[in-house]
């Protein structure tokens, strides 16, 4: 189940990247500005989740 969830998340992220890129190419900046912040929020959430699971690796170095 966990692997299926990861595949679904990757599909959503890939779809958002493709959608944002197509919007930029077509000149639809509103669509692109809507897609890329969602990716940023997802990335921040993913990194925070990883750091909660591995607190010893969360340091700078």
N, C-alpha and C. Protein backbone atom coordinates (compact mmCIF):
# COMPACT_ATOMS: atom_id res chain seq x y z
N UNK A 1 0.84 -1.20 0.00
CA UNK A 1 0.00 0.00 0.00
C UNK A 1 0.87 1.25 0.00
N UNK A 2 1.95 1.22 0.77
CA UNK A 2 2.81 2.40 0.85
C UNK A 2 3.48 2.68 -0.49
N UNK A 3 3.86 1.61 -1.22
CA UNK A 3 4.49 1.79 -2.52
C UNK A 3 3.49 2.36 -3.52
N UNK A 4 2.24 1.91 -3.46
CA UNK A 4 1.21 2.44 -4.36
C UNK A 4 0.98 3.91 -4.08
N UNK A 5 1.00 4.30 -2.80
CA UNK A 5 0.82 5.70 -2.45
C UNK A 5 1.96 6.55 -3.00
N UNK A 6 3.18 6.04 -2.95
CA UNK A 6 4.33 6.76 -3.49
C UNK A 6 4.20 6.93 -5.00
N UNK A 7 3.73 5.89 -5.69
CA UNK A 7 3.56 5.97 -7.14
C UNK A 7 2.49 7.00 -7.49
N UNK A 8 1.41 7.03 -6.71
CA UNK A 8 0.35 8.01 -6.94
C UNK A 8 0.88 9.43 -6.72
N UNK A 9 1.67 9.62 -5.65
CA UNK A 9 2.23 10.94 -5.38
C UNK A 9 3.16 11.37 -6.51
N UNK A 10 3.99 10.46 -7.00
CA UNK A 10 4.88 10.79 -8.12
C UNK A 10 4.08 11.14 -9.37
N UNK A 11 2.98 10.46 -9.60
CA UNK A 11 2.14 10.76 -10.76
C UNK A 11 1.53 12.15 -10.64
N UNK A 12 1.09 12.52 -9.45
CA UNK A 12 0.51 13.85 -9.25
C UNK A 12 1.56 14.93 -9.46
N UNK A 13 2.75 14.73 -8.89
CA UNK A 13 3.82 15.71 -9.04
C UNK A 13 4.23 15.83 -10.50
N UNK A 14 4.36 14.70 -11.19
CA UNK A 14 4.73 14.74 -12.61
C UNK A 14 3.67 15.47 -13.43
N UNK A 15 2.42 15.19 -13.13
CA UNK A 15 1.34 15.88 -13.84
C UNK A 15 1.37 17.38 -13.61
N UNK A 16 1.64 17.80 -12.38
CA UNK A 16 1.72 19.24 -12.09
C UNK A 16 2.90 19.88 -12.81
N UNK A 17 4.03 19.18 -12.88
CA UNK A 17 5.19 19.74 -13.58
C UNK A 17 4.89 19.88 -15.07
N UNK A 18 4.29 18.86 -15.66
CA UNK A 18 3.95 18.92 -17.08
C UNK A 18 2.93 20.01 -17.33
N UNK A 19 1.90 20.10 -16.47
CA UNK A 19 0.88 21.13 -16.63
C UNK A 19 1.48 22.53 -16.53
N UNK A 20 2.33 22.75 -15.53
CA UNK A 20 2.95 24.07 -15.37
C UNK A 20 3.85 24.43 -16.53
N UNK A 21 4.58 23.44 -17.05
CA UNK A 21 5.46 23.69 -18.19
C UNK A 21 4.66 24.02 -19.44
N UNK A 22 3.58 23.28 -19.67
CA UNK A 22 2.74 23.57 -20.84
C UNK A 22 2.11 24.95 -20.71
N UNK A 23 1.68 25.31 -19.50
CA UNK A 23 1.10 26.64 -19.29
C UNK A 23 2.13 27.73 -19.59
N UNK A 24 3.37 27.54 -19.15
CA UNK A 24 4.41 28.53 -19.45
C UNK A 24 4.66 28.61 -20.95
N UNK A 25 4.69 27.47 -21.62
CA UNK A 25 4.95 27.43 -23.06
C UNK A 25 3.83 28.13 -23.84
N UNK A 26 2.58 27.94 -23.39
CA UNK A 26 1.45 28.53 -24.10
C UNK A 26 1.23 29.99 -23.70
N UNK A 27 1.92 30.45 -22.68
CA UNK A 27 1.77 31.84 -22.25
C UNK A 27 0.71 32.04 -21.19
N UNK A 28 0.18 30.96 -20.63
CA UNK A 28 -0.83 31.05 -19.58
C UNK A 28 -0.12 31.11 -18.23
N UNK A 29 0.29 32.32 -17.85
CA UNK A 29 1.08 32.47 -16.64
C UNK A 29 0.27 32.24 -15.38
N UNK A 30 -1.05 32.46 -15.44
CA UNK A 30 -1.88 32.23 -14.26
C UNK A 30 -1.91 30.74 -13.93
N UNK A 31 -2.03 29.90 -14.95
CA UNK A 31 -2.00 28.45 -14.72
C UNK A 31 -0.67 27.99 -14.18
N UNK A 32 0.41 28.56 -14.71
CA UNK A 32 1.75 28.18 -14.24
C UNK A 32 1.96 28.66 -12.80
N UNK A 33 1.52 29.88 -12.51
CA UNK A 33 1.68 30.40 -11.15
C UNK A 33 0.80 29.63 -10.17
N UNK A 34 -0.24 28.97 -10.65
CA UNK A 34 -1.07 28.15 -9.76
C UNK A 34 -0.44 26.78 -9.54
N UNK A 35 0.28 26.26 -10.53
CA UNK A 35 0.83 24.90 -10.43
C UNK A 35 2.10 24.85 -9.61
N UNK A 36 3.02 25.76 -9.83
CA UNK A 36 4.33 25.65 -9.19
C UNK A 36 4.31 25.88 -7.68
N UNK A 37 3.49 26.79 -7.13
CA UNK A 37 3.42 26.88 -5.66
C UNK A 37 2.90 25.60 -5.01
N UNK A 38 2.01 24.88 -5.69
CA UNK A 38 1.54 23.60 -5.16
C UNK A 38 2.70 22.63 -5.04
N UNK A 39 3.59 22.64 -6.04
CA UNK A 39 4.78 21.79 -5.98
C UNK A 39 5.69 22.20 -4.83
N UNK A 40 5.82 23.49 -4.60
CA UNK A 40 6.67 23.98 -3.51
C UNK A 40 6.12 23.53 -2.16
N UNK A 41 4.81 23.67 -1.97
CA UNK A 41 4.19 23.24 -0.72
C UNK A 41 4.36 21.74 -0.53
N UNK A 42 4.19 20.98 -1.60
CA UNK A 42 4.36 19.52 -1.51
C UNK A 42 5.80 19.17 -1.14
N UNK A 43 6.76 19.87 -1.73
CA UNK A 43 8.17 19.60 -1.44
C UNK A 43 8.50 19.90 0.02
N UNK A 44 8.02 21.04 0.52
CA UNK A 44 8.28 21.41 1.91
C UNK A 44 7.65 20.38 2.85
N UNK A 45 6.42 19.94 2.53
CA UNK A 45 5.74 18.94 3.36
C UNK A 45 6.51 17.63 3.34
N UNK A 46 7.01 17.22 2.17
CA UNK A 46 7.74 15.96 2.02
C UNK A 46 9.05 16.00 2.81
N UNK A 47 9.77 17.12 2.74
CA UNK A 47 11.04 17.23 3.47
C UNK A 47 10.79 17.22 4.98
N UNK A 48 9.74 17.92 5.43
CA UNK A 48 9.42 17.94 6.86
C UNK A 48 9.04 16.54 7.33
N UNK A 49 8.33 15.79 6.52
CA UNK A 49 7.95 14.42 6.88
C UNK A 49 9.18 13.52 6.98
N UNK A 50 10.11 13.67 6.06
CA UNK A 50 11.34 12.88 6.10
C UNK A 50 12.15 13.21 7.35
N UNK A 51 12.21 14.48 7.71
CA UNK A 51 12.99 14.89 8.89
C UNK A 51 12.36 14.40 10.18
N UNK A 52 11.04 14.30 10.22
CA UNK A 52 10.39 13.76 11.40
C UNK A 52 10.68 12.26 11.55
N UNK A 53 10.80 11.57 10.42
CA UNK A 53 11.08 10.14 10.47
C UNK A 53 12.53 9.86 10.82
N UNK A 54 13.46 10.73 10.40
CA UNK A 54 14.89 10.54 10.65
C UNK A 54 15.46 11.77 11.36
N UNK A 55 15.17 11.97 12.64
CA UNK A 55 15.64 13.20 13.31
C UNK A 55 17.15 13.28 13.43
N UNK A 56 17.86 12.14 13.42
CA UNK A 56 19.31 12.19 13.55
C UNK A 56 19.97 12.67 12.27
N UNK A 57 19.28 12.58 11.13
CA UNK A 57 19.85 13.03 9.86
C UNK A 57 19.39 14.44 9.49
N UNK A 58 18.68 15.11 10.37
CA UNK A 58 18.12 16.42 10.06
C UNK A 58 19.13 17.55 10.22
N UNK A 59 20.31 17.27 10.72
CA UNK A 59 21.31 18.31 10.94
C UNK A 59 21.88 18.84 9.65
N UNK A 60 22.70 19.89 9.77
CA UNK A 60 23.28 20.52 8.59
C UNK A 60 24.39 19.70 7.96
N UNK A 61 24.91 18.74 8.69
CA UNK A 61 25.86 18.07 8.17
C UNK A 61 26.75 17.10 7.93
